[in-house]
Protein backbone atom coordinates (compact mmCIF):
# COMPACT_ATOMS: atom_id res chain seq x y z
CA MET A 1 -47.80 -20.23 20.28
CA PRO A 2 -44.90 -21.72 22.30
CA HIS A 3 -43.73 -23.75 19.24
CA ARG A 4 -43.61 -20.64 17.15
CA LEU A 5 -41.56 -18.80 19.78
CA ILE A 6 -39.15 -21.69 20.04
CA LEU A 7 -38.73 -21.86 16.26
CA VAL A 8 -38.06 -18.08 16.05
CA LEU A 9 -35.53 -18.14 18.87
CA ALA A 10 -33.73 -21.20 17.38
CA THR A 11 -33.61 -19.51 14.03
CA ALA A 12 -32.22 -16.34 15.43
CA ILE A 13 -29.54 -18.21 17.40
CA VAL A 14 -28.42 -20.28 14.35
CA LEU A 15 -28.32 -17.29 11.93
CA GLY A 16 -26.63 -15.04 14.52
CA GLY A 17 -23.67 -17.50 14.67
CA CYS A 18 -23.14 -17.68 10.88
CA ALA A 19 -21.47 -14.35 10.30
CA ARG A 20 -21.50 -10.71 11.31
CA VAL A 21 -22.55 -8.05 8.83
CA ALA A 22 -19.95 -5.74 10.40
CA ASP A 23 -17.15 -8.05 9.16
CA SER A 24 -18.81 -8.74 5.82
CA ARG A 25 -17.73 -7.38 2.44
CA LEU A 26 -21.37 -6.23 2.03
CA ASN A 27 -20.82 -3.59 4.66
CA PRO A 28 -19.64 -0.42 2.80
CA PHE A 29 -17.45 0.61 5.74
CA ASN A 30 -15.27 -2.44 4.94
CA TRP A 31 -14.76 -1.56 1.27
CA PHE A 32 -11.19 -0.48 1.97
CA GLY A 33 -9.36 -2.55 4.52
CA GLY A 34 -6.92 -1.15 7.05
CA GLY A 35 -3.59 0.10 5.79
CA GLU A 36 -0.95 -2.48 5.17
CA GLU A 37 2.76 -1.53 5.50
CA GLU A 38 4.97 -1.81 2.47
CA GLY A 39 8.40 -0.64 1.30
CA VAL A 40 8.99 2.34 -0.86
CA GLU A 41 10.54 2.00 -4.28
CA THR A 42 13.13 4.63 -4.97
CA VAL A 43 12.40 6.21 -8.36
CA GLU A 44 13.94 9.32 -9.69
CA VAL A 45 11.08 11.80 -10.11
CA VAL A 46 11.16 15.55 -10.61
CA GLU A 47 9.06 16.74 -7.57
CA THR A 48 7.46 20.24 -7.84
CA ASP A 49 6.17 20.42 -4.28
CA PRO A 50 8.68 22.21 -1.99
CA ARG A 51 7.69 20.16 1.07
CA ALA A 52 9.74 17.21 2.10
CA ARG A 53 8.40 13.59 2.31
CA VAL A 54 7.64 12.77 5.96
CA ALA A 55 9.80 9.84 7.14
CA GLN A 56 7.34 7.18 8.25
CA ILE A 57 3.70 6.46 7.61
CA THR A 58 2.20 4.94 10.77
CA GLU A 59 -1.51 4.65 9.91
CA LEU A 60 -3.75 4.80 6.85
CA VAL A 61 -7.60 4.72 7.14
CA VAL A 62 -10.17 5.15 4.38
CA GLU A 63 -13.47 6.15 5.84
CA ARG A 64 -16.66 6.05 3.78
CA THR A 65 -18.91 9.12 3.87
CA PRO A 66 -22.22 9.87 2.21
CA THR A 67 -20.28 11.98 -0.35
CA GLY A 68 -17.50 9.45 -1.10
CA ALA A 69 -14.61 8.81 1.23
CA ILE A 70 -11.96 10.42 3.29
CA VAL A 71 -8.33 9.20 3.17
CA ARG A 72 -6.61 9.85 6.42
CA ALA A 73 -2.93 9.16 7.10
CA THR A 74 -0.80 9.65 10.14
CA ALA A 75 2.98 10.12 9.79
CA LEU A 76 5.94 10.29 12.03
CA PRO A 77 8.64 12.87 11.23
CA PRO A 78 12.07 12.51 12.88
CA THR A 79 11.67 15.68 15.12
CA GLN A 80 9.01 17.95 16.44
CA GLY A 81 8.10 21.17 14.55
CA TRP A 82 7.08 19.83 11.09
CA TYR A 83 4.06 21.76 9.67
CA ASP A 84 1.64 22.24 6.72
CA ALA A 85 1.14 18.47 6.13
CA ALA A 86 -0.75 17.29 3.06
CA LEU A 87 -1.41 14.25 0.98
CA VAL A 88 -0.16 15.19 -2.47
CA ALA A 89 -1.29 13.02 -5.44
CA ALA A 90 1.70 11.50 -7.26
CA GLU A 91 -0.31 11.33 -10.54
CA ASP A 92 -3.34 13.26 -11.67
CA ALA A 93 -5.38 10.06 -12.05
CA PRO A 94 -5.23 6.51 -10.83
CA VAL A 95 -2.83 4.17 -12.68
CA ASN A 96 -4.19 0.66 -13.14
CA GLY A 97 -6.72 1.28 -10.35
CA ALA A 98 -4.08 2.59 -7.87
CA MET A 99 -4.03 6.11 -6.54
CA VAL A 100 -0.72 7.00 -4.96
CA TYR A 101 -0.37 9.95 -2.52
CA VAL A 102 2.89 11.25 -0.97
CA PHE A 103 2.73 12.48 2.60
CA ARG A 104 4.51 15.89 2.61
CA ALA A 105 5.26 18.57 5.15
CA PHE A 106 7.68 21.46 5.77
CA PRO A 107 10.49 20.61 8.25
CA PRO A 108 11.29 23.03 11.09
CA ASP A 109 13.63 25.93 10.41
CA GLY A 110 16.14 24.98 13.06
CA PRO A 111 17.12 22.03 15.21
CA ARG A 112 14.20 20.70 17.20
CA PRO A 113 13.97 18.05 19.98
CA VAL A 114 12.88 14.54 19.10
CA SER A 115 10.71 14.08 22.22
CA THR A 116 7.89 11.49 22.31
CA VAL A 117 6.31 9.74 19.32
CA ARG A 118 2.85 11.21 20.22
CA SER A 119 4.22 14.76 20.14
CA ARG A 120 5.68 14.33 16.57
CA GLU A 121 2.69 12.76 14.86
CA LEU A 122 1.17 14.52 11.87
CA THR A 123 -2.20 13.74 10.35
CA ALA A 124 -3.31 14.72 6.83
CA ALA A 125 -6.57 13.82 4.99
CA ARG A 126 -7.98 14.10 1.48
CA ALA A 127 -11.59 13.76 0.34
CA LEU A 128 -12.51 11.51 -2.59
CA SER A 129 -15.78 11.79 -4.50
CA PRO A 130 -17.83 8.83 -5.68
CA GLN A 131 -16.51 9.50 -9.24
CA ASP A 132 -12.96 9.23 -7.98
CA LEU A 133 -13.74 6.06 -6.04
CA ALA A 134 -15.23 4.39 -9.10
CA GLN A 135 -11.75 4.32 -10.72
CA ILE A 136 -9.74 3.43 -7.51
CA ARG A 137 -9.12 -0.06 -6.23
CA ILE A 138 -5.93 0.64 -4.23
CA ILE A 139 -4.92 3.68 -2.22
CA ARG A 140 -1.25 4.02 -1.37
CA VAL A 141 0.37 6.64 0.87
CA GLU A 142 4.11 6.95 0.70
CA GLY A 143 6.62 8.48 3.08
CA ALA A 144 10.44 8.55 2.76
CA LEU A 145 11.00 5.23 4.52
CA ASN A 146 7.76 3.23 4.01
CA ALA A 147 4.32 3.20 2.51
CA ARG A 148 0.87 2.00 3.57
CA THR A 149 -1.76 0.57 1.22
CA ALA A 150 -5.51 0.10 1.56
CA ARG A 151 -7.27 -2.27 -0.93
CA ARG A 152 -10.83 -2.86 -1.90
């Protein structure tokens, strides 16, 4: 009996040091990595949404859910008072496995204070179904000054 206990403990210690499932690609929560910051390409596009692009994307998180995934982005406008934030799809369907969203919001009507970063943050989210995720390898959220990308 003591030999078996020693063997089980030794095996558990050796296997425990090999790798963690939490950091593994087998873990579905790691299918999309954290958002990486990138530059924004300036392309002339006729935009139909009346909301302005928010200046800077500070965070991009793709969270797996039982019904697909939730894309959540945080942006930083130049002043307080921006409202009605949304992630608007740049195209109706993914292009070459990449789905691009533009972070948009209405600016305030008049001059507003700049104040602290925390008081200016906006968050918007969008749900994706498993059918949507089957076609998507890259999720990109663009602002006016930068973009963030999550890859599978």
